[in-house]
Amino acid sequence: MTERGVIRADQYLAHPPGRVWQALTEPDLLARWFMPNDFKPVPGHRFTFQTMARPDQDFDGVVHCEVLEVEPEHRLQLSWSGGHLETTVTWTLAAEGRGTRLFVEHAGFDPDDPVQQHAFTIMSGGWRGMVFRRIAELLTELDGPAEREPGR
């Protein structure tokens, strides 16, 4: 059963949790696959992500965030505010074989607000599609050909 107002998605990444954590928490790497930012993995740190403005949705392209929780190589939770949204994003990493299962939960969308439901629909596709694809591409690029297993 899907909980209303919550996006949940996960993806297996053929990289160890430490490498995935690095891509999630190093600002330069995070900017390469996600959005430009001034992130620091420190609880209480306030930062922004910069993305495309959507004036028709009353969104200026700035996502205001605060680091809520940091458990290195396991969990990262952020507040996520922009436009009409006051939500949270939680990344959870779980070792799986030689890689990592990366979970994302984006919660707090008001299911009765048409503007938030529009954002929910757009972001749901983005988390499940583009975001996981882009982090996987970055991780593969970081590993380089010498560290890849034969046949990959």
N, C-alpha and C. Protein backbone atom coordinates (compact mmCIF):
# COMPACT_ATOMS: atom_id res chain seq x y z
N MET A 1 0.84 -1.19 0.00
CA MET A 1 0.00 0.00 0.00
C MET A 1 0.89 1.25 0.00
N THR A 2 0.56 2.21 -0.82
CA THR A 2 1.30 3.46 -0.90
C THR A 2 0.70 4.47 0.06
N GLU A 3 1.54 5.09 0.87
CA GLU A 3 1.08 6.12 1.80
C GLU A 3 0.91 7.42 1.04
N ARG A 4 -0.24 8.06 1.19
CA ARG A 4 -0.50 9.33 0.52
C ARG A 4 0.47 10.39 1.00
N GLY A 5 1.02 11.16 0.08
CA GLY A 5 1.90 12.26 0.44
C GLY A 5 3.34 11.86 0.70
N VAL A 6 3.69 10.60 0.39
CA VAL A 6 5.06 10.13 0.61
C VAL A 6 5.58 9.45 -0.65
N ILE A 7 6.73 9.89 -1.11
CA ILE A 7 7.41 9.22 -2.23
C ILE A 7 8.45 8.29 -1.63
N ARG A 8 8.43 7.04 -2.04
CA ARG A 8 9.45 6.09 -1.61
C ARG A 8 10.00 5.40 -2.86
N ALA A 9 11.31 5.31 -2.91
CA ALA A 9 11.96 4.64 -4.04
C ALA A 9 13.28 4.07 -3.55
N ASP A 10 13.76 3.07 -4.25
CA ASP A 10 15.07 2.51 -3.92
C ASP A 10 15.74 1.99 -5.17
N GLN A 11 17.06 1.86 -5.07
CA GLN A 11 17.86 1.41 -6.21
C GLN A 11 19.10 0.69 -5.69
N TYR A 12 19.43 -0.42 -6.33
CA TYR A 12 20.70 -1.09 -6.02
C TYR A 12 21.80 -0.38 -6.79
N LEU A 13 22.89 -0.07 -6.09
CA LEU A 13 24.06 0.55 -6.71
C LEU A 13 25.25 -0.38 -6.48
N ALA A 14 25.98 -0.68 -7.51
CA ALA A 14 27.09 -1.64 -7.44
C ALA A 14 28.35 -0.97 -6.88
N HIS A 15 28.19 -0.33 -5.74
CA HIS A 15 29.28 0.40 -5.09
C HIS A 15 29.08 0.26 -3.58
N PRO A 16 30.16 0.19 -2.81
CA PRO A 16 30.03 0.01 -1.36
C PRO A 16 29.40 1.23 -0.69
N PRO A 17 28.80 1.05 0.50
CA PRO A 17 28.15 2.16 1.19
C PRO A 17 29.04 3.38 1.38
N GLY A 18 30.32 3.20 1.64
CA GLY A 18 31.21 4.34 1.83
C GLY A 18 31.29 5.22 0.60
N ARG A 19 31.31 4.61 -0.58
CA ARG A 19 31.38 5.37 -1.83
C ARG A 19 30.06 6.09 -2.10
N VAL A 20 28.94 5.41 -1.83
CA VAL A 20 27.63 6.04 -2.03
C VAL A 20 27.47 7.21 -1.05
N TRP A 21 27.90 7.00 0.20
CA TRP A 21 27.84 8.07 1.20
C TRP A 21 28.64 9.29 0.74
N GLN A 22 29.79 9.05 0.18
CA GLN A 22 30.64 10.13 -0.33
C GLN A 22 29.87 10.94 -1.38
N ALA A 23 29.17 10.27 -2.29
CA ALA A 23 28.41 10.97 -3.34
C ALA A 23 27.24 11.76 -2.76
N LEU A 24 26.70 11.29 -1.64
CA LEU A 24 25.58 11.98 -0.99
C LEU A 24 26.02 13.17 -0.14
N THR A 25 27.27 13.15 0.36
CA THR A 25 27.64 14.12 1.39
C THR A 25 28.80 15.05 1.04
N GLU A 26 29.49 14.82 -0.05
CA GLU A 26 30.54 15.76 -0.47
C GLU A 26 29.91 16.77 -1.42
N PRO A 27 29.88 18.04 -1.04
CA PRO A 27 29.15 19.05 -1.82
C PRO A 27 29.49 19.07 -3.31
N ASP A 28 30.76 18.93 -3.67
CA ASP A 28 31.13 18.97 -5.09
C ASP A 28 30.55 17.77 -5.84
N LEU A 29 30.60 16.60 -5.22
CA LEU A 29 30.03 15.40 -5.85
C LEU A 29 28.51 15.49 -5.90
N LEU A 30 27.90 15.95 -4.82
CA LEU A 30 26.45 16.11 -4.77
C LEU A 30 25.97 17.04 -5.88
N ALA A 31 26.73 18.10 -6.11
CA ALA A 31 26.37 19.04 -7.18
C ALA A 31 26.47 18.41 -8.56
N ARG A 32 27.39 17.48 -8.73
CA ARG A 32 27.58 16.86 -10.05
C ARG A 32 26.41 15.96 -10.45
N TRP A 33 25.78 15.30 -9.49
CA TRP A 33 24.68 14.41 -9.86
C TRP A 33 23.30 14.91 -9.44
N PHE A 34 23.26 15.90 -8.53
CA PHE A 34 21.96 16.34 -8.01
C PHE A 34 21.73 17.82 -8.30
N MET A 35 22.22 18.71 -7.43
CA MET A 35 22.04 20.14 -7.64
C MET A 35 23.18 20.90 -6.98
N PRO A 36 23.53 22.07 -7.51
CA PRO A 36 24.50 22.94 -6.82
C PRO A 36 24.00 23.21 -5.39
N ASN A 37 24.96 23.31 -4.45
CA ASN A 37 24.58 23.37 -3.05
C ASN A 37 25.70 23.95 -2.20
N ASP A 38 25.37 24.21 -0.95
CA ASP A 38 26.38 24.57 0.05
C ASP A 38 26.21 23.65 1.27
N PHE A 39 26.06 22.39 0.99
CA PHE A 39 25.80 21.34 1.97
C PHE A 39 27.02 21.01 2.83
N LYS A 40 26.75 20.69 4.08
CA LYS A 40 27.75 20.10 4.99
C LYS A 40 27.01 19.04 5.80
N PRO A 41 27.58 17.84 5.94
CA PRO A 41 26.88 16.77 6.66
C PRO A 41 26.97 16.94 8.18
N VAL A 42 26.40 18.05 8.66
CA VAL A 42 26.45 18.40 10.08
C VAL A 42 25.02 18.72 10.54
N PRO A 43 24.49 17.99 11.53
CA PRO A 43 23.14 18.29 12.00
C PRO A 43 23.01 19.77 12.37
N GLY A 44 21.91 20.36 11.91
CA GLY A 44 21.64 21.78 12.16
C GLY A 44 22.14 22.70 11.06
N HIS A 45 23.00 22.19 10.16
CA HIS A 45 23.51 23.04 9.07
C HIS A 45 22.38 23.38 8.11
N ARG A 46 22.21 24.66 7.85
CA ARG A 46 21.21 25.14 6.88
C ARG A 46 21.92 25.41 5.56
N PHE A 47 21.31 24.98 4.48
CA PHE A 47 21.94 25.13 3.16
C PHE A 47 20.85 25.21 2.11
N THR A 48 21.27 25.44 0.87
CA THR A 48 20.32 25.49 -0.24
C THR A 48 20.79 24.60 -1.39
N PHE A 49 19.81 24.13 -2.13
CA PHE A 49 20.02 23.53 -3.44
C PHE A 49 19.51 24.56 -4.45
N GLN A 50 20.18 24.66 -5.59
CA GLN A 50 19.77 25.57 -6.65
C GLN A 50 19.30 24.76 -7.85
N THR A 51 18.13 25.05 -8.35
CA THR A 51 17.60 24.36 -9.51
C THR A 51 16.82 25.34 -10.38
N MET A 52 16.14 24.84 -11.37
CA MET A 52 15.41 25.68 -12.31
C MET A 52 14.18 26.30 -11.64
N ALA A 53 14.02 27.59 -11.80
CA ALA A 53 12.84 28.28 -11.27
C ALA A 53 11.60 27.86 -12.06
N ARG A 54 10.49 27.84 -11.36
CA ARG A 54 9.19 27.54 -11.98
C ARG A 54 8.20 28.61 -11.53
N PRO A 55 8.27 29.79 -12.16
CA PRO A 55 7.41 30.91 -11.72
C PRO A 55 5.92 30.56 -11.75
N ASP A 56 5.50 29.72 -12.68
CA ASP A 56 4.08 29.32 -12.76
C ASP A 56 3.64 28.52 -11.54
N GLN A 57 4.62 27.98 -10.79
CA GLN A 57 4.32 27.22 -9.58
C GLN A 57 4.79 27.96 -8.33
N ASP A 58 5.09 29.24 -8.48
CA ASP A 58 5.55 30.08 -7.38
C ASP A 58 6.80 29.49 -6.71
N PHE A 59 7.73 29.02 -7.57
CA PHE A 59 8.98 28.43 -7.08
C PHE A 59 10.15 29.14 -7.73
N ASP A 60 11.03 29.73 -6.91
CA ASP A 60 12.14 30.53 -7.42
C ASP A 60 13.40 29.72 -7.75
N GLY A 61 13.34 28.41 -7.58
CA GLY A 61 14.48 27.56 -7.91
C GLY A 61 15.43 27.31 -6.74
N VAL A 62 15.09 27.83 -5.56
CA VAL A 62 15.93 27.62 -4.38
C VAL A 62 15.20 26.69 -3.42
N VAL A 63 15.86 25.59 -3.07
CA VAL A 63 15.32 24.67 -2.08
C VAL A 63 16.10 24.94 -0.79
N HIS A 64 15.38 25.35 0.24
CA HIS A 64 15.99 25.64 1.53
C HIS A 64 15.96 24.36 2.37
N CYS A 65 17.11 24.00 2.91
CA CYS A 65 17.22 22.74 3.64
C CYS A 65 17.94 22.93 4.96
N GLU A 66 17.74 21.95 5.84
CA GLU A 66 18.51 21.85 7.07
C GLU A 66 18.82 20.38 7.28
N VAL A 67 20.05 20.10 7.69
CA VAL A 67 20.43 18.73 8.00
C VAL A 67 19.79 18.37 9.33
N LEU A 68 18.94 17.34 9.33
CA LEU A 68 18.24 16.93 10.53
C LEU A 68 18.93 15.76 11.23
N GLU A 69 19.49 14.84 10.44
CA GLU A 69 20.08 13.65 11.02
C GLU A 69 21.21 13.15 10.13
N VAL A 70 22.30 12.72 10.74
CA VAL A 70 23.44 12.16 10.02
C VAL A 70 23.92 10.91 10.76
N GLU A 71 23.84 9.78 10.11
CA GLU A 71 24.44 8.54 10.59
C GLU A 71 25.36 8.08 9.47
N PRO A 72 26.67 8.38 9.56
CA PRO A 72 27.58 8.10 8.45
C PRO A 72 27.42 6.70 7.86
N GLU A 73 27.35 6.70 6.54
CA GLU A 73 27.22 5.50 5.72
C GLU A 73 25.93 4.73 5.97
N HIS A 74 24.96 5.39 6.64
CA HIS A 74 23.68 4.70 6.89
C HIS A 74 22.45 5.58 6.61
N ARG A 75 22.42 6.81 7.15
CA ARG A 75 21.19 7.61 7.04
C ARG A 75 21.50 9.10 7.03
N LEU A 76 20.78 9.81 6.15
CA LEU A 76 20.88 11.26 6.05
C LEU A 76 19.47 11.79 5.87
N GLN A 77 19.07 12.70 6.78
CA GLN A 77 17.73 13.28 6.69
C GLN A 77 17.84 14.80 6.64
N LEU A 78 17.05 15.38 5.73
CA LEU A 78 17.06 16.83 5.49
C LEU A 78 15.65 17.37 5.52
N SER A 79 15.49 18.60 6.00
CA SER A 79 14.24 19.30 5.73
C SER A 79 14.36 19.82 4.30
N TRP A 80 13.25 20.02 3.63
CA TRP A 80 13.23 20.40 2.21
C TRP A 80 12.08 21.38 2.02
N SER A 81 12.40 22.65 1.84
CA SER A 81 11.37 23.69 1.72
C SER A 81 11.61 24.53 0.48
N GLY A 82 10.56 24.73 -0.27
CA GLY A 82 10.65 25.57 -1.45
C GLY A 82 9.29 25.70 -2.09
N GLY A 83 8.98 26.87 -2.60
CA GLY A 83 7.65 27.07 -3.16
C GLY A 83 6.62 26.85 -2.07
N HIS A 84 5.73 25.90 -2.30
CA HIS A 84 4.67 25.59 -1.33
C HIS A 84 4.99 24.36 -0.49
N LEU A 85 6.22 23.88 -0.53
CA LEU A 85 6.56 22.63 0.16
C LEU A 85 7.28 22.85 1.48
N GLU A 86 6.91 22.06 2.46
CA GLU A 86 7.61 21.93 3.73
C GLU A 86 7.68 20.43 3.97
N THR A 87 8.75 19.79 3.50
CA THR A 87 8.83 18.33 3.50
C THR A 87 10.17 17.87 4.08
N THR A 88 10.35 16.56 4.13
CA THR A 88 11.63 15.99 4.53
C THR A 88 12.07 14.97 3.49
N VAL A 89 13.39 14.86 3.33
CA VAL A 89 13.98 13.84 2.46
C VAL A 89 14.92 13.02 3.33
N THR A 90 14.75 11.71 3.26
CA THR A 90 15.58 10.80 4.03
C THR A 90 16.24 9.80 3.08
N TRP A 91 17.57 9.75 3.12
CA TRP A 91 18.34 8.76 2.38
C TRP A 91 18.77 7.69 3.37
N THR A 92 18.59 6.42 3.02
CA THR A 92 19.04 5.31 3.85
C THR A 92 19.86 4.38 2.97
N LEU A 93 21.02 3.98 3.47
CA LEU A 93 21.91 3.09 2.75
C LEU A 93 21.95 1.75 3.47
N ALA A 94 21.87 0.66 2.71
CA ALA A 94 21.96 -0.68 3.28
C ALA A 94 22.92 -1.49 2.42
N ALA A 95 23.95 -2.06 3.05
CA ALA A 95 24.87 -2.92 2.31
C ALA A 95 24.07 -4.09 1.74
N GLU A 96 24.37 -4.40 0.48
CA GLU A 96 23.69 -5.51 -0.19
C GLU A 96 24.69 -6.18 -1.11
N GLY A 97 25.13 -7.38 -0.74
CA GLY A 97 26.17 -8.05 -1.51
C GLY A 97 27.41 -7.18 -1.56
N ARG A 98 27.92 -6.94 -2.76
CA ARG A 98 29.09 -6.07 -2.93
C ARG A 98 28.73 -4.61 -3.14
N GLY A 99 27.45 -4.32 -3.06
CA GLY A 99 27.00 -2.96 -3.33
C GLY A 99 26.16 -2.39 -2.20
N THR A 100 25.28 -1.48 -2.59
CA THR A 100 24.45 -0.75 -1.63
C THR A 100 23.04 -0.61 -2.19
N ARG A 101 22.07 -0.84 -1.35
CA ARG A 101 20.69 -0.50 -1.69
C ARG A 101 20.46 0.90 -1.12
N LEU A 102 20.14 1.85 -2.00
CA LEU A 102 19.90 3.23 -1.60
C LEU A 102 18.40 3.49 -1.63
N PHE A 103 17.87 3.89 -0.48
CA PHE A 103 16.45 4.20 -0.34
C PHE A 103 16.30 5.71 -0.20
N VAL A 104 15.26 6.26 -0.79
CA VAL A 104 14.92 7.66 -0.56
C VAL A 104 13.44 7.71 -0.17
N GLU A 105 13.16 8.57 0.81
CA GLU A 105 11.78 8.83 1.20
C GLU A 105 11.61 10.35 1.23
N HIS A 106 10.67 10.85 0.46
CA HIS A 106 10.37 12.28 0.44
C HIS A 106 8.95 12.39 0.99
N ALA A 107 8.83 12.91 2.22
CA ALA A 107 7.55 12.88 2.93
C ALA A 107 7.06 14.28 3.28
N GLY A 108 5.75 14.39 3.43
CA GLY A 108 5.16 15.63 3.90
C GLY A 108 4.33 16.37 2.87
N PHE A 109 4.09 15.77 1.71
CA PHE A 109 3.24 16.41 0.71
C PHE A 109 1.79 16.37 1.18
N ASP A 110 1.09 17.47 1.03
CA ASP A 110 -0.33 17.54 1.41
C ASP A 110 -1.15 16.94 0.27
N PRO A 111 -1.78 15.79 0.51
CA PRO A 111 -2.53 15.14 -0.57
C PRO A 111 -3.78 15.90 -1.00
N ASP A 112 -4.18 16.90 -0.23
CA ASP A 112 -5.37 17.68 -0.59
C ASP A 112 -5.04 19.02 -1.23
N ASP A 113 -3.75 19.30 -1.41
CA ASP A 113 -3.31 20.56 -2.02
C ASP A 113 -2.92 20.28 -3.47
N PRO A 114 -3.65 20.83 -4.44
CA PRO A 114 -3.36 20.54 -5.85
C PRO A 114 -1.94 20.95 -6.27
N VAL A 115 -1.41 22.05 -5.75
CA VAL A 115 -0.05 22.48 -6.10
C VAL A 115 0.97 21.46 -5.57
N GLN A 116 0.78 21.02 -4.33
CA GLN A 116 1.70 20.04 -3.77
C GLN A 116 1.57 18.69 -4.47
N GLN A 117 0.38 18.32 -4.88
CA GLN A 117 0.21 17.06 -5.59
C GLN A 117 0.85 17.10 -6.97
N HIS A 118 0.84 18.26 -7.59
CA HIS A 118 1.55 18.42 -8.87
C HIS A 118 3.05 18.23 -8.65
N ALA A 119 3.58 18.88 -7.60
CA ALA A 119 5.00 18.71 -7.26
C ALA A 119 5.29 17.25 -6.92
N PHE A 120 4.40 16.60 -6.19
CA PHE A 120 4.55 15.18 -5.84
C PHE A 120 4.69 14.33 -7.10
N THR A 121 3.83 14.55 -8.07
CA THR A 121 3.85 13.77 -9.31
C THR A 121 5.17 13.97 -10.06
N ILE A 122 5.59 15.22 -10.20
CA ILE A 122 6.84 15.51 -10.90
C ILE A 122 8.03 14.91 -10.16
N MET A 123 8.08 15.14 -8.85
CA MET A 123 9.24 14.68 -8.07
C MET A 123 9.26 13.17 -7.94
N SER A 124 8.12 12.54 -7.90
CA SER A 124 8.06 11.09 -7.82
C SER A 124 8.77 10.47 -9.02
N GLY A 125 8.49 10.97 -10.21
CA GLY A 125 9.17 10.48 -11.41
C GLY A 125 10.65 10.81 -11.40
N GLY A 126 11.00 11.99 -10.90
CA GLY A 126 12.40 12.39 -10.84
C GLY A 126 13.22 11.53 -9.90
N TRP A 127 12.69 11.28 -8.69
CA TRP A 127 13.42 10.44 -7.74
C TRP A 127 13.62 9.04 -8.31
N ARG A 128 12.56 8.48 -8.89
CA ARG A 128 12.62 7.10 -9.37
C ARG A 128 13.44 6.95 -10.65
N GLY A 129 13.52 8.00 -11.43
CA GLY A 129 14.19 7.90 -12.71
C GLY A 129 15.53 8.61 -12.74
N MET A 130 15.48 9.89 -12.96
CA MET A 130 16.68 10.67 -13.19
C MET A 130 17.67 10.65 -12.03
N VAL A 131 17.20 10.80 -10.80
CA VAL A 131 18.11 10.92 -9.65
C VAL A 131 18.95 9.66 -9.48
N PHE A 132 18.32 8.50 -9.47
CA PHE A 132 19.08 7.26 -9.29
C PHE A 132 20.01 7.00 -10.48
N ARG A 133 19.54 7.31 -11.67
CA ARG A 133 20.40 7.12 -12.85
C ARG A 133 21.64 8.00 -12.76
N ARG A 134 21.46 9.25 -12.35
CA ARG A 134 22.60 10.18 -12.29
C ARG A 134 23.60 9.83 -11.19
N ILE A 135 23.15 9.38 -10.04
CA ILE A 135 24.11 9.00 -9.00
C ILE A 135 24.87 7.75 -9.42
N ALA A 136 24.18 6.81 -10.08
CA ALA A 136 24.85 5.60 -10.57
C ALA A 136 25.93 5.96 -11.59
N GLU A 137 25.62 6.89 -12.49
CA GLU A 137 26.61 7.32 -13.49
C GLU A 137 27.82 7.97 -12.81
N LEU A 138 27.59 8.82 -11.83
CA LEU A 138 28.70 9.46 -11.13
C LEU A 138 29.55 8.42 -10.41
N LEU A 139 28.93 7.48 -9.72
CA LEU A 139 29.69 6.47 -8.99
C LEU A 139 30.55 5.63 -9.94
N THR A 140 30.01 5.28 -11.08
CA THR A 140 30.78 4.52 -12.07
C THR A 140 31.95 5.35 -12.58
N GLU A 141 31.70 6.63 -12.81
CA GLU A 141 32.76 7.53 -13.26
C GLU A 141 33.86 7.64 -12.20
N LEU A 142 33.48 7.75 -10.93
CA LEU A 142 34.46 7.87 -9.85
C LEU A 142 35.32 6.62 -9.72
N ASP A 143 34.71 5.46 -9.94
CA ASP A 143 35.47 4.22 -9.83
C ASP A 143 36.52 4.09 -10.93
N GLY A 144 36.21 4.59 -12.10
CA GLY A 144 37.16 4.50 -13.21
C GLY A 144 37.33 3.07 -13.67
N PRO A 145 37.92 2.85 -14.83
CA PRO A 145 38.01 1.52 -15.41
C PRO A 145 38.87 0.54 -14.60
N ALA A 146 39.86 1.02 -13.87
CA ALA A 146 40.76 0.12 -13.14
C ALA A 146 40.07 -0.57 -11.97
N GLU A 147 39.03 0.08 -11.39
CA GLU A 147 38.39 -0.49 -10.21
C GLU A 147 37.12 -1.28 -10.55
N ARG A 148 36.69 -1.26 -11.79
CA ARG A 148 35.49 -1.99 -12.16
C ARG A 148 35.77 -3.47 -12.26
N GLU A 149 34.75 -4.25 -11.91
CA GLU A 149 34.88 -5.70 -12.03
C GLU A 149 34.82 -6.08 -13.50
N PRO A 150 35.48 -7.19 -13.90
CA PRO A 150 35.38 -7.66 -15.28
C PRO A 150 33.94 -7.89 -15.66
N GLY A 151 33.60 -7.51 -16.87
CA GLY A 151 32.25 -7.72 -17.38
C GLY A 151 31.28 -6.61 -17.08
N ARG A 152 31.70 -5.58 -16.34
CA ARG A 152 30.77 -4.45 -16.05
C ARG A 152 30.95 -3.38 -17.08
